[in-house]
Amino acid sequence: MAKADRIDVHTHVVPPFWGEALPSHGGDPSGWTTPAWSPEAHLAYMDDQQIATSVLSLTAPSVVGWEGQGRRDMARRVNEFVAETVTTHPGRFGNFATVPLPDVEGAVAEAEYALDELGADGVVLLSNYEGAYLGDPKYAPLWDALDRRGAVVFIHPGHPLIPLLPDVPGPLVDYPFDTTRNAVQMVFAGVLDRYPDTKIILSHAGGFVPYAVMRFCEIQPALHPEGPSTEELLAKFKLFYWDTALSSGPDAFPSFLAFADHERILFGSDFPYAPAPVAAAFNHLLDDHSGLTDEQKTAFNHGNARRILPRLA
């Protein structure tokens, strides 16, 4: 296969000032260790894995642990740090901007600043904020602002308000669960109907959505026969975009490809929260053990991303 020239839409930045302050602002409730990060180490991983561009985002728990103006200030500092990193390394990095949710007013202002002034490629949202998922009506002003701009919205799982399993960090199983929970709520709440110009990416191949979507779409009409039909609900779920982070392989991809539109699947690695050997193993599965054609690999590696992220085309 020709050089992959991947565009990685699921890869994270760890600004040093954020990482240093996180323990005193609630830490990471998922039980995952904050990894070391530098632009140089990230670029070395990218070069090793044929990644042309990494779209950087701040992962969970984002800036939720800060309060009031401090939360807004940290989101702004992160966004300007990433914007500077993008400028310093032309063509190698992109920016999914952080917003200070659950502060909706602050989130709208920061999204507007990041998209209009910093030239961010989109925004990153967590699947829930303090237990409120993204279909909650209180988020409508933010969705309005994003939809007016036709924004790309990358949804990363957050820690659900449930206890961790003993010796099982949240990213192993709670994160795919929370992605699924949020996706179902967004579809049932009509978010994808009301904001058709946003392009919404679900992490990790949508969690359990492709595998369990018929369960959601058959049972919901039985419970609410006055609402959308099974076929209408399936069409709504198909409007999401999806990334491949930690989701490649011959077991996962048959269900994934049987449901997801192949023009809406984007490459993701989850580096550095997925250590380089783990991320590389899933990249290898994508290249050699997912039953994909070369045309599909090209589309997933960079073709589909270039359509929705025009700055990177």
C-alpha atoms as a PDB file:
ATOM      1  CA  MET A   1       0.000   0.000   0.000  1.00  0.00           C
ATOM      2  CA  ALA A   2       1.161   3.560  -0.701  1.00  0.00           C
ATOM      3  CA  LYS A   3       2.238   5.844   2.151  1.00  0.00           C
ATOM      4  CA  ALA A   4      -0.759   6.308   4.421  1.00  0.00           C
ATOM      5  CA  ASP A   5      -0.489  10.089   5.017  1.00  0.00           C
ATOM      6  CA  ARG A   6      -2.955   9.673   7.839  1.00  0.00           C
ATOM      7  CA  ILE A   7      -4.948  12.496   9.396  1.00  0.00           C
ATOM      8  CA  ASP A   8      -5.414  11.565  13.044  1.00  0.00           C
ATOM      9  CA  VAL A   9      -8.607  13.136  14.414  1.00  0.00           C
ATOM     10  CA  HIS A  10      -8.391  11.411  17.807  1.00  0.00           C
ATOM     11  CA  THR A  11      -5.097  12.346  19.398  1.00  0.00           C
ATOM     12  CA  HIS A  12      -4.418  14.421  22.443  1.00  0.00           C
ATOM     13  CA  VAL A  13      -2.401  17.326  23.720  1.00  0.00           C
ATOM     14  CA  VAL A  14      -1.161  17.546  27.311  1.00  0.00           C
ATOM     15  CA  PRO A  15      -0.215  21.182  27.914  1.00  0.00           C
ATOM     16  CA  PRO A  16       2.328  21.168  30.745  1.00  0.00           C
ATOM     17  CA  PHE A  17       0.516  23.849  32.761  1.00  0.00           C
ATOM     18  CA  TRP A  18      -2.752  21.866  32.518  1.00  0.00           C
ATOM     19  CA  GLY A  19      -1.129  18.560  33.461  1.00  0.00           C
ATOM     20  CA  GLU A  20       0.617  20.139  36.449  1.00  0.00           C
ATOM     21  CA  ALA A  21      -2.575  21.786  37.714  1.00  0.00           C
ATOM     22  CA  LEU A  22      -4.946  18.853  37.119  1.00  0.00           C
ATOM     23  CA  PRO A  23      -4.260  16.968  40.399  1.00  0.00           C
ATOM     24  CA  SER A  24      -5.236  20.004  42.440  1.00  0.00           C
ATOM     25  CA  HIS A  25      -8.404  20.454  40.362  1.00  0.00           C
ATOM     26  CA  GLY A  26     -10.031  17.090  40.893  1.00  0.00           C
ATOM     27  CA  GLY A  27      -7.563  14.927  38.989  1.00  0.00           C
ATOM     28  CA  ASP A  28      -8.771  12.387  36.442  1.00  0.00           C
ATOM     29  CA  PRO A  29     -11.740  10.411  37.842  1.00  0.00           C
ATOM     30  CA  SER A  30     -11.272   7.725  35.189  1.00  0.00           C
ATOM     31  CA  GLY A  31      -8.233   6.349  36.996  1.00  0.00           C
ATOM     32  CA  TRP A  32      -5.955   6.839  33.962  1.00  0.00           C
ATOM     33  CA  THR A  33      -2.478   8.272  34.325  1.00  0.00           C
ATOM     34  CA  THR A  34      -1.756  11.557  32.570  1.00  0.00           C
ATOM     35  CA  PRO A  35       1.031  10.776  30.077  1.00  0.00           C
ATOM     36  CA  ALA A  36       4.121  12.799  29.324  1.00  0.00           C
ATOM     37  CA  TRP A  37       3.782  14.807  26.132  1.00  0.00           C
ATOM     38  CA  SER A  38       5.803  17.130  23.938  1.00  0.00           C
ATOM     39  CA  PRO A  39       5.434  18.245  20.315  1.00  0.00           C
ATOM     40  CA  GLU A  40       8.722  16.517  19.510  1.00  0.00           C
ATOM     41  CA  ALA A  41       7.620  13.165  20.952  1.00  0.00           C
ATOM     42  CA  HIS A  42       4.288  13.480  19.189  1.00  0.00           C
ATOM     43  CA  LEU A  43       5.948  14.193  15.855  1.00  0.00           C
ATOM     44  CA  ALA A  44       8.249  11.206  16.300  1.00  0.00           C
ATOM     45  CA  TYR A  45       5.244   8.943  16.846  1.00  0.00           C
ATOM     46  CA  MET A  46       3.522  10.475  13.811  1.00  0.00           C
ATOM     47  CA  ASP A  47       6.509   9.922  11.547  1.00  0.00           C
ATOM     48  CA  ASP A  48       6.789   6.322  12.691  1.00  0.00           C
ATOM     49  CA  GLN A  49       3.089   5.682  11.982  1.00  0.00           C
ATOM     50  CA  GLN A  50       2.764   7.568   8.664  1.00  0.00           C
ATOM     51  CA  ILE A  51       0.597  10.276  10.211  1.00  0.00           C
ATOM     52  CA  ALA A  52       0.790  13.515   8.259  1.00  0.00           C
ATOM     53  CA  THR A  53      -1.371  15.604  10.597  1.00  0.00           C
ATOM     54  CA  SER A  54      -2.647  15.155  14.151  1.00  0.00           C
ATOM     55  CA  VAL A  55      -5.682  17.185  15.223  1.00  0.00           C
ATOM     56  CA  LEU A  56      -4.932  17.872  18.881  1.00  0.00           C
ATOM     57  CA  SER A  57      -7.623  17.891  21.550  1.00  0.00           C
ATOM     58  CA  LEU A  58      -7.663  18.074  25.326  1.00  0.00           C
ATOM     59  CA  THR A  59      -9.101  14.860  26.686  1.00  0.00           C
ATOM     60  CA  ALA A  60     -11.291  14.171  29.706  1.00  0.00           C
ATOM     61  CA  PRO A  61     -11.663  15.564  32.276  1.00  0.00           C
ATOM     62  CA  SER A  62     -10.934  18.705  30.247  1.00  0.00           C
ATOM     63  CA  VAL A  63     -11.307  21.839  32.414  1.00  0.00           C
ATOM     64  CA  VAL A  64     -14.299  20.642  34.429  1.00  0.00           C
ATOM     65  CA  GLY A  65     -12.326  20.689  37.692  1.00  0.00           C
ATOM     66  CA  TRP A  66     -11.774  24.445  37.522  1.00  0.00           C
ATOM     67  CA  GLU A  67     -14.522  26.816  38.627  1.00  0.00           C
ATOM     68  CA  GLY A  68     -15.921  30.126  37.467  1.00  0.00           C
ATOM     69  CA  GLN A  69     -13.572  32.431  35.631  1.00  0.00           C
ATOM     70  CA  GLY A  70     -10.718  30.020  36.304  1.00  0.00           C
ATOM     71  CA  ARG A  71     -12.383  27.438  34.064  1.00  0.00           C
ATOM     72  CA  ARG A  72     -12.792  29.963  31.259  1.00  0.00           C
ATOM     73  CA  ASP A  73      -9.211  31.116  31.661  1.00  0.00           C
ATOM     74  CA  MET A  74      -7.822  27.579  31.495  1.00  0.00           C
ATOM     75  CA  ALA A  75      -9.826  26.780  28.350  1.00  0.00           C
ATOM     76  CA  ARG A  76      -8.505  29.961  26.714  1.00  0.00           C
ATOM     77  CA  ARG A  77      -4.938  29.164  27.751  1.00  0.00           C
ATOM     78  CA  VAL A  78      -5.189  25.631  26.338  1.00  0.00           C
ATOM     79  CA  ASN A  79      -6.628  26.876  23.052  1.00  0.00           C
ATOM     80  CA  GLU A  80      -3.947  29.511  22.585  1.00  0.00           C
ATOM     81  CA  PHE A  81      -1.239  26.970  23.455  1.00  0.00           C
ATOM     82  CA  VAL A  82      -2.552  24.565  20.808  1.00  0.00           C
ATOM     83  CA  ALA A  83      -2.973  27.363  18.250  1.00  0.00           C
ATOM     84  CA  GLU A  84       0.668  28.318  18.786  1.00  0.00           C
ATOM     85  CA  THR A  85       1.700  24.669  18.372  1.00  0.00           C
ATOM     86  CA  VAL A  86      -0.207  24.531  15.074  1.00  0.00           C
ATOM     87  CA  THR A  87       1.553  27.674  13.869  1.00  0.00           C
ATOM     88  CA  THR A  88       4.994  26.442  14.944  1.00  0.00           C
ATOM     89  CA  HIS A  89       4.637  23.167  13.031  1.00  0.00           C
ATOM     90  CA  PRO A  90       2.854  24.052   9.763  1.00  0.00           C
ATOM     91  CA  GLY A  91       0.755  21.232   8.356  1.00  0.00           C
ATOM     92  CA  ARG A  92       1.544  18.792  11.166  1.00  0.00           C
ATOM     93  CA  PHE A  93      -1.046  19.715  13.778  1.00  0.00           C
ATOM     94  CA  GLY A  94      -4.675  20.769  13.900  1.00  0.00           C
ATOM     95  CA  ASN A  95      -6.828  22.033  16.766  1.00  0.00           C
ATOM     96  CA  PHE A  96     -10.111  20.834  18.225  1.00  0.00           C
ATOM     97  CA  ALA A  97     -10.695  23.634  20.701  1.00  0.00           C
ATOM     98  CA  THR A  98     -11.658  23.205  24.356  1.00  0.00           C
ATOM     99  CA  VAL A  99     -14.762  24.902  25.766  1.00  0.00           C
ATOM    100  CA  PRO A 100     -15.465  25.510  29.479  1.00  0.00           C
ATOM    101  CA  LEU A 101     -18.605  23.408  29.863  1.00  0.00           C
ATOM    102  CA  PRO A 102     -20.728  23.012  31.934  1.00  0.00           C
ATOM    103  CA  ASP A 103     -20.571  26.827  31.724  1.00  0.00           C
ATOM    104  CA  VAL A 104     -22.745  27.183  28.599  1.00  0.00           C
ATOM    105  CA  GLU A 105     -22.358  30.946  28.224  1.00  0.00           C
ATOM    106  CA  GLY A 106     -18.590  30.653  28.554  1.00  0.00           C
ATOM    107  CA  ALA A 107     -18.546  27.715  26.147  1.00  0.00           C
ATOM    108  CA  VAL A 108     -20.370  29.696  23.459  1.00  0.00           C
ATOM    109  CA  ALA A 109     -17.948  32.607  23.822  1.00  0.00           C
ATOM    110  CA  GLU A 110     -14.887  30.347  23.715  1.00  0.00           C
ATOM    111  CA  ALA A 111     -16.152  28.367  20.723  1.00  0.00           C
ATOM    112  CA  GLU A 112     -16.743  31.583  18.828  1.00  0.00           C
ATOM    113  CA  TYR A 113     -13.280  32.885  19.705  1.00  0.00           C
ATOM    114  CA  ALA A 114     -11.522  29.628  18.853  1.00  0.00           C
ATOM    115  CA  LEU A 115     -13.325  29.082  15.552  1.00  0.00           C
ATOM    116  CA  ASP A 116     -13.490  32.702  14.382  1.00  0.00           C
ATOM    117  CA  GLU A 117     -10.246  34.151  15.722  1.00  0.00           C
ATOM    118  CA  LEU A 118      -7.830  31.256  16.292  1.00  0.00           C
ATOM    119  CA  GLY A 119      -8.890  29.311  13.205  1.00  0.00           C
ATOM    120  CA  ALA A 120      -9.541  26.087  15.138  1.00  0.00           C
ATOM    121  CA  ASP A 121     -10.576  23.104  13.034  1.00  0.00           C
ATOM    122  CA  GLY A 122     -13.485  22.280  15.328  1.00  0.00           C
ATOM    123  CA  VAL A 123     -14.267  21.807  18.997  1.00  0.00           C
ATOM    124  CA  VAL A 124     -14.007  18.893  21.404  1.00  0.00           C
ATOM    125  CA  LEU A 125     -16.885  18.130  23.760  1.00  0.00           C
ATOM    126  CA  LEU A 126     -17.113  15.463  26.437  1.00  0.00           C
ATOM    127  CA  SER A 127     -19.985  12.992  26.331  1.00  0.00           C
ATOM    128  CA  ASN A 128     -21.290  14.277  29.660  1.00  0.00           C
ATOM    129  CA  TYR A 129     -20.659  17.142  32.029  1.00  0.00           C
ATOM    130  CA  GLU A 130     -21.555  16.430  35.653  1.00  0.00           C
ATOM    131  CA  GLY A 131     -23.955  13.763  34.401  1.00  0.00           C
ATOM    132  CA  ALA A 132     -25.760  15.934  31.830  1.00  0.00           C
ATOM    133  CA  TYR A 133     -25.403  14.515  28.306  1.00  0.00           C
ATOM    134  CA  LEU A 134     -25.147  16.575  25.159  1.00  0.00           C
ATOM    135  CA  GLY A 135     -28.800  16.225  24.164  1.00  0.00           C
ATOM    136  CA  ASP A 136     -29.817  18.174  27.265  1.00  0.00           C
ATOM    137  CA  PRO A 137     -31.785  21.299  26.253  1.00  0.00           C
ATOM    138  CA  LYS A 138     -29.474  23.531  28.294  1.00  0.00           C
ATOM    139  CA  TYR A 139     -26.753  23.047  25.673  1.00  0.00           C
ATOM    140  CA  ALA A 140     -28.924  24.496  22.878  1.00  0.00           C
ATOM    141  CA  PRO A 141     -27.091  27.877  22.731  1.00  0.00           C
ATOM    142  CA  LEU A 142     -23.788  26.086  22.147  1.00  0.00           C
ATOM    143  CA  TRP A 143     -25.249  23.812  19.470  1.00  0.00           C
ATOM    144  CA  ASP A 144     -26.768  26.902  17.799  1.00  0.00           C
ATOM    145  CA  ALA A 145     -23.366  28.618  17.673  1.00  0.00           C
ATOM    146  CA  LEU A 146     -21.654  25.492  16.328  1.00  0.00           C
ATOM    147  CA  ASP A 147     -24.320  24.801  13.725  1.00  0.00           C
ATOM    148  CA  ARG A 148     -24.198  28.360  12.382  1.00  0.00           C
ATOM    149  CA  ARG A 149     -20.519  27.771  11.641  1.00  0.00           C
ATOM    150  CA  GLY A 150     -20.953  24.274  10.234  1.00  0.00           C
ATOM    151  CA  ALA A 151     -18.462  23.186  12.880  1.00  0.00           C
ATOM    152  CA  VAL A 152     -16.808  19.824  13.297  1.00  0.00           C
ATOM    153  CA  VAL A 153     -17.602  18.545  16.794  1.00  0.00           C
ATOM    154  CA  PHE A 154     -15.390  15.784  18.165  1.00  0.00           C
ATOM    155  CA  ILE A 155     -17.099  14.049  21.091  1.00  0.00           C
ATOM    156  CA  HIS A 156     -14.746  12.354  23.504  1.00  0.00           C
ATOM    157  CA  PRO A 157     -16.091  10.157  26.290  1.00  0.00           C
ATOM    158  CA  GLY A 158     -16.094  11.526  29.789  1.00  0.00           C
ATOM    159  CA  HIS A 159     -16.289   9.595  33.018  1.00  0.00           C
ATOM    160  CA  PRO A 160     -19.903   8.563  33.709  1.00  0.00           C
ATOM    161  CA  LEU A 161     -21.264   9.136  37.210  1.00  0.00           C
ATOM    162  CA  ILE A 162     -20.791   5.520  38.243  1.00  0.00           C
ATOM    163  CA  PRO A 163     -18.084   3.921  40.398  1.00  0.00           C
ATOM    164  CA  LEU A 164     -15.051   2.463  38.673  1.00  0.00           C
ATOM    165  CA  LEU A 165     -14.850  -1.308  38.551  1.00  0.00           C
ATOM    166  CA  PRO A 166     -12.089  -2.521  40.879  1.00  0.00           C
ATOM    167  CA  ASP A 167      -8.748  -2.472  39.044  1.00  0.00           C
ATOM    168  CA  VAL A 168     -10.445  -1.480  35.752  1.00  0.00           C
ATOM    169  CA  PRO A 169      -9.732   2.132  34.684  1.00  0.00           C
ATOM    170  CA  GLY A 170     -12.631   3.924  33.056  1.00  0.00           C
ATOM    171  CA  PRO A 171     -11.159   4.132  29.527  1.00  0.00           C
ATOM    172  CA  LEU A 172     -11.254   0.330  29.194  1.00  0.00           C
ATOM    173  CA  VAL A 173     -15.028  -0.087  29.342  1.00  0.00           C
ATOM    174  CA  ASP A 174     -16.742   2.968  30.857  1.00  0.00           C
ATOM    175  CA  TYR A 175     -15.664   5.258  28.020  1.00  0.00           C
ATOM    176  CA  PRO A 176     -17.241   3.162  25.215  1.00  0.00           C
ATOM    177  CA  PHE A 177     -20.347   2.873  27.396  1.00  0.00           C
ATOM    178  CA  ASP A 178     -20.561   6.640  27.879  1.00  0.00           C
ATOM    179  CA  THR A 179     -20.075   7.324  24.177  1.00  0.00           C
ATOM    180  CA  THR A 180     -22.973   4.981  23.469  1.00  0.00           C
ATOM    181  CA  ARG A 181     -25.168   6.462  26.180  1.00  0.00           C
ATOM    182  CA  ASN A 182     -24.597   9.978  24.876  1.00  0.00           C
ATOM    183  CA  ALA A 183     -25.171   9.007  21.224  1.00  0.00           C
ATOM    184  CA  VAL A 184     -28.508   7.392  22.047  1.00  0.00           C
ATOM    185  CA  GLN A 185     -29.624  10.406  24.054  1.00  0.00           C
ATOM    186  CA  MET A 186     -28.572  12.831  21.290  1.00  0.00           C
ATOM    187  CA  VAL A 187     -30.513  10.888  18.655  1.00  0.00           C
ATOM    188  CA  PHE A 188     -33.640  10.489  20.787  1.00  0.00           C
ATOM    189  CA  ALA A 189     -33.482  14.186  21.780  1.00  0.00           C
ATOM    190  CA  GLY A 190     -33.332  15.296  18.135  1.00  0.00           C
ATOM    191  CA  VAL A 191     -29.928  17.000  18.240  1.00  0.00           C
ATOM    192  CA  LEU A 192     -28.936  15.733  14.790  1.00  0.00           C
ATOM    193  CA  ASP A 193     -32.260  16.968  13.365  1.00  0.00           C
ATOM    194  CA  ARG A 194     -32.017  20.473  14.796  1.00  0.00           C
ATOM    195  CA  TYR A 195     -28.344  21.068  13.965  1.00  0.00           C
ATOM    196  CA  PRO A 196     -27.835  19.489  10.535  1.00  0.00           C
ATOM    197  CA  ASP A 197     -24.785  21.562   9.601  1.00  0.00           C
ATOM    198  CA  THR A 198     -22.604  20.284  12.432  1.00  0.00           C
ATOM    199  CA  LYS A 199     -20.389  17.296  11.698  1.00  0.00           C
ATOM    200  CA  ILE A 200     -20.298  15.162  14.833  1.00  0.00           C
ATOM    201  CA  ILE A 201     -17.522  12.596  15.323  1.00  0.00           C
ATOM    202  CA  LEU A 202     -17.992   9.804  17.864  1.00  0.00           C
ATOM    203  CA  SER A 203     -14.848   8.369  19.446  1.00  0.00           C
ATOM    204  CA  HIS A 204     -13.758   4.725  19.335  1.00  0.00           C
ATOM    205  CA  ALA A 205     -16.044   3.670  16.453  1.00  0.00           C
ATOM    206  CA  GLY A 206     -19.047   4.905  18.417  1.00  0.00           C
ATOM    207  CA  GLY A 207     -18.519   2.673  21.429  1.00  0.00           C
ATOM    208  CA  PHE A 208     -21.217  -0.011  21.260  1.00  0.00           C
ATOM    209  CA  VAL A 209     -23.482   1.852  18.813  1.00  0.00           C
ATOM    210  CA  PRO A 210     -22.774  -0.160  15.624  1.00  0.00           C
ATOM    211  CA  TYR A 211     -23.182  -3.453  17.476  1.00  0.00           C
ATOM    212  CA  ALA A 212     -26.364  -2.552  19.393  1.00  0.00           C
ATOM    213  CA  VAL A 213     -28.061   0.018  17.148  1.00  0.00           C
ATOM    214  CA  MET A 214     -30.931  -2.261  16.139  1.00  0.00           C
ATOM    215  CA  ARG A 215     -31.746  -2.765  19.820  1.00  0.00           C
ATOM    216  CA  PHE A 216     -32.132   1.005  20.236  1.00  0.00           C
ATOM    217  CA  CYS A 217     -34.043   1.521  17.005  1.00  0.00           C
ATOM    218  CA  GLU A 218     -36.525  -1.335  17.423  1.00  0.00           C
ATOM    219  CA  ILE A 219     -37.330  -0.876  21.112  1.00  0.00           C
ATOM    220  CA  GLN A 220     -37.722   2.918  21.137  1.00  0.00           C
ATOM    221  CA  PRO A 221     -40.642   2.958  18.608  1.00  0.00           C
ATOM    222  CA  ALA A 222     -42.361   0.248  20.630  1.00  0.00           C
ATOM    223  CA  LEU A 223     -42.124   2.432  23.720  1.00  0.00           C
ATOM    224  CA  HIS A 224     -43.036   5.649  21.876  1.00  0.00           C
ATOM    225  CA  PRO A 225     -45.098   4.729  18.786  1.00  0.00           C
ATOM    226  CA  GLU A 226     -45.902   8.388  18.136  1.00  0.00           C
ATOM    227  CA  GLY A 227     -42.199   9.108  17.572  1.00  0.00           C
ATOM    228  CA  PRO A 228     -39.718   8.198  14.825  1.00  0.00           C
ATOM    229  CA  SER A 229     -39.917   4.750  13.250  1.00  0.00           C
ATOM    230  CA  THR A 230     -37.124   2.178  13.356  1.00  0.00           C
ATOM    231  CA  GLU A 231     -36.005   3.208   9.876  1.00  0.00           C
ATOM    232  CA  GLU A 232     -36.035   6.901  10.784  1.00  0.00           C
ATOM    233  CA  LEU A 233     -33.967   6.289  13.902  1.00  0.00           C
ATOM    234  CA  LEU A 234     -31.448   4.204  11.955  1.00  0.00           C
ATOM    235  CA  ALA A 235     -31.062   7.064   9.474  1.00  0.00           C
ATOM    236  CA  LYS A 236     -30.383   9.483  12.329  1.00  0.00           C
ATOM    237  CA  PHE A 237     -27.686   7.280  13.868  1.00  0.00           C
ATOM    238  CA  LYS A 238     -26.023   7.055  10.458  1.00  0.00           C
ATOM    239  CA  LEU A 239     -25.523  10.839  10.461  1.00  0.00           C
ATOM    240  CA  PHE A 240     -22.655  10.584  12.941  1.00  0.00           C
ATOM    241  CA  TYR A 241     -19.024  10.427  11.895  1.00  0.00           C
ATOM    242  CA  TRP A 242     -16.784   7.869  13.590  1.00  0.00           C
ATOM    243  CA  ASP A 243     -13.102   7.463  14.367  1.00  0.00           C
ATOM    244  CA  THR A 244     -11.117   4.222  14.421  1.00  0.00           C
ATOM    245  CA  ALA A 245      -9.179   4.828  17.656  1.00  0.00           C
ATOM    246  CA  LEU A 246      -8.568   1.552  19.519  1.00  0.00           C
ATOM    247  CA  SER A 247     -11.274  -0.083  17.400  1.00  0.00           C
ATOM    248  CA  SER A 248      -9.534  -1.788  14.474  1.00  0.00           C
ATOM    249  CA  GLY A 249      -9.439  -5.499  13.821  1.00  0.00           C
ATOM    250  CA  PRO A 250     -11.268  -8.445  12.272  1.00  0.00           C
ATOM    251  CA  ASP A 251     -13.678  -8.835  15.189  1.00  0.00           C
ATOM    252  CA  ALA A 252     -14.864  -5.232  15.387  1.00  0.00           C
ATOM    253  CA  PHE A 253     -14.878  -4.080  11.791  1.00  0.00           C
ATOM    254  CA  PRO A 254     -17.590  -6.356  10.315  1.00  0.00           C
ATOM    255  CA  SER A 255     -20.253  -4.852  12.619  1.00  0.00           C
ATOM    256  CA  PHE A 256     -18.793  -1.378  12.212  1.00  0.00           C
ATOM    257  CA  LEU A 257     -18.770  -1.451   8.405  1.00  0.00           C
ATOM    258  CA  ALA A 258     -22.145  -3.174   8.189  1.00  0.00           C
ATOM    259  CA  PHE A 259     -23.671  -0.108   9.846  1.00  0.00           C
ATOM    260  CA  ALA A 260     -21.480   2.993   9.421  1.00  0.00           C
ATOM    261  CA  ASP A 261     -21.312   4.969   6.174  1.00  0.00           C
ATOM    262  CA  HIS A 262     -17.783   4.320   4.876  1.00  0.00           C
ATOM    263  CA  GLU A 263     -17.506   8.001   3.892  1.00  0.00           C
ATOM    264  CA  ARG A 264     -17.898   8.998   7.556  1.00  0.00           C
ATOM    265  CA  ILE A 265     -15.099   6.913   9.093  1.00  0.00           C
ATOM    266  CA  LEU A 266     -11.937   8.787  10.105  1.00  0.00           C
ATOM    267  CA  PHE A 267      -8.568   7.609  11.373  1.00  0.00           C
ATOM    268  CA  GLY A 268      -7.833   7.964  15.084  1.00  0.00           C
ATOM    269  CA  SER A 269      -5.073   6.644  17.334  1.00  0.00           C
ATOM    270  CA  ASP A 270      -5.705   8.010  20.889  1.00  0.00           C
ATOM    271  CA  PHE A 271      -1.980   8.748  21.319  1.00  0.00           C
ATOM    272  CA  PRO A 272      -0.483   9.505  23.866  1.00  0.00           C
ATOM    273  CA  TYR A 273      -3.176   8.221  26.250  1.00  0.00           C
ATOM    274  CA  ALA A 274      -2.860   5.030  24.238  1.00  0.00           C
ATOM    275  CA  PRO A 275       0.912   4.440  24.550  1.00  0.00           C
ATOM    276  CA  ALA A 276       2.785   4.320  21.259  1.00  0.00           C
ATOM    277  CA  PRO A 277       3.026   0.469  21.141  1.00  0.00           C
ATOM    278  CA  VAL A 278      -0.731   0.111  21.770  1.00  0.00           C
ATOM    279  CA  ALA A 279      -1.682   2.761  19.233  1.00  0.00           C
ATOM    280  CA  ALA A 280       0.724   1.214  16.704  1.00  0.00           C
ATOM    281  CA  ALA A 281      -0.814  -2.237  17.238  1.00  0.00           C
ATOM    282  CA  PHE A 282      -4.270  -0.922  16.340  1.00  0.00           C
ATOM    283  CA  ASN A 283      -2.840   0.962  13.350  1.00  0.00           C
ATOM    284  CA  HIS A 284      -1.303  -2.320  12.183  1.00  0.00           C
ATOM    285  CA  LEU A 285      -4.676  -4.044  12.564  1.00  0.00           C
ATOM    286  CA  LEU A 286      -6.275  -1.313  10.469  1.00  0.00           C
ATOM    287  CA  ASP A 287      -3.675  -1.731   7.737  1.00  0.00           C
ATOM    288  CA  ASP A 288      -3.448  -5.500   7.588  1.00  0.00           C
ATOM    289  CA  HIS A 289      -6.152  -7.295   9.524  1.00  0.00           C
ATOM    290  CA  SER A 290      -9.459  -5.470   9.119  1.00  0.00           C
ATOM    291  CA  GLY A 291     -10.486  -6.900   5.752  1.00  0.00           C
ATOM    292  CA  LEU A 292     -10.409  -3.446   4.162  1.00  0.00           C
ATOM    293  CA  THR A 293      -9.728  -2.671   0.538  1.00  0.00           C
ATOM    294  CA  ASP A 294      -6.983  -0.221  -0.344  1.00  0.00           C
ATOM    295  CA  GLU A 295      -9.691   2.241  -1.377  1.00  0.00           C
ATOM    296  CA  GLN A 296     -11.314   2.007   2.055  1.00  0.00           C
ATOM    297  CA  LYS A 297      -7.967   2.389   3.832  1.00  0.00           C
ATOM    298  CA  THR A 298      -7.228   5.541   1.845  1.00  0.00           C
ATOM    299  CA  ALA A 299     -10.651   6.965   2.671  1.00  0.00           C
ATOM    300  CA  PHE A 300     -10.323   6.201   6.370  1.00  0.00           C
ATOM    301  CA  ASN A 301      -6.690   7.301   6.652  1.00  0.00           C
ATOM    302  CA  HIS A 302      -7.144  10.745   5.131  1.00  0.00           C
ATOM    303  CA  GLY A 303      -9.715  11.041   2.339  1.00  0.00           C
ATOM    304  CA  ASN A 304     -12.792  11.445   4.513  1.00  0.00           C
ATOM    305  CA  ALA A 305     -11.060  13.805   6.945  1.00  0.00           C
ATOM    306  CA  ARG A 306     -10.006  16.114   4.144  1.00  0.00           C
ATOM    307  CA  ARG A 307     -13.646  16.535   3.131  1.00  0.00           C
ATOM    308  CA  ILE A 308     -14.796  17.789   6.520  1.00  0.00           C
ATOM    309  CA  LEU A 309     -11.577  19.562   7.579  1.00  0.00           C
ATOM    310  CA  PRO A 310     -10.885  21.753   4.550  1.00  0.00           C
ATOM    311  CA  ARG A 311      -7.816  23.444   6.070  1.00  0.00           C
ATOM    312  CA  LEU A 312      -6.085  20.068   6.017  1.00  0.00           C
ATOM    313  CA  ALA A 313      -7.073  19.155   2.452  1.00  0.00           C
END
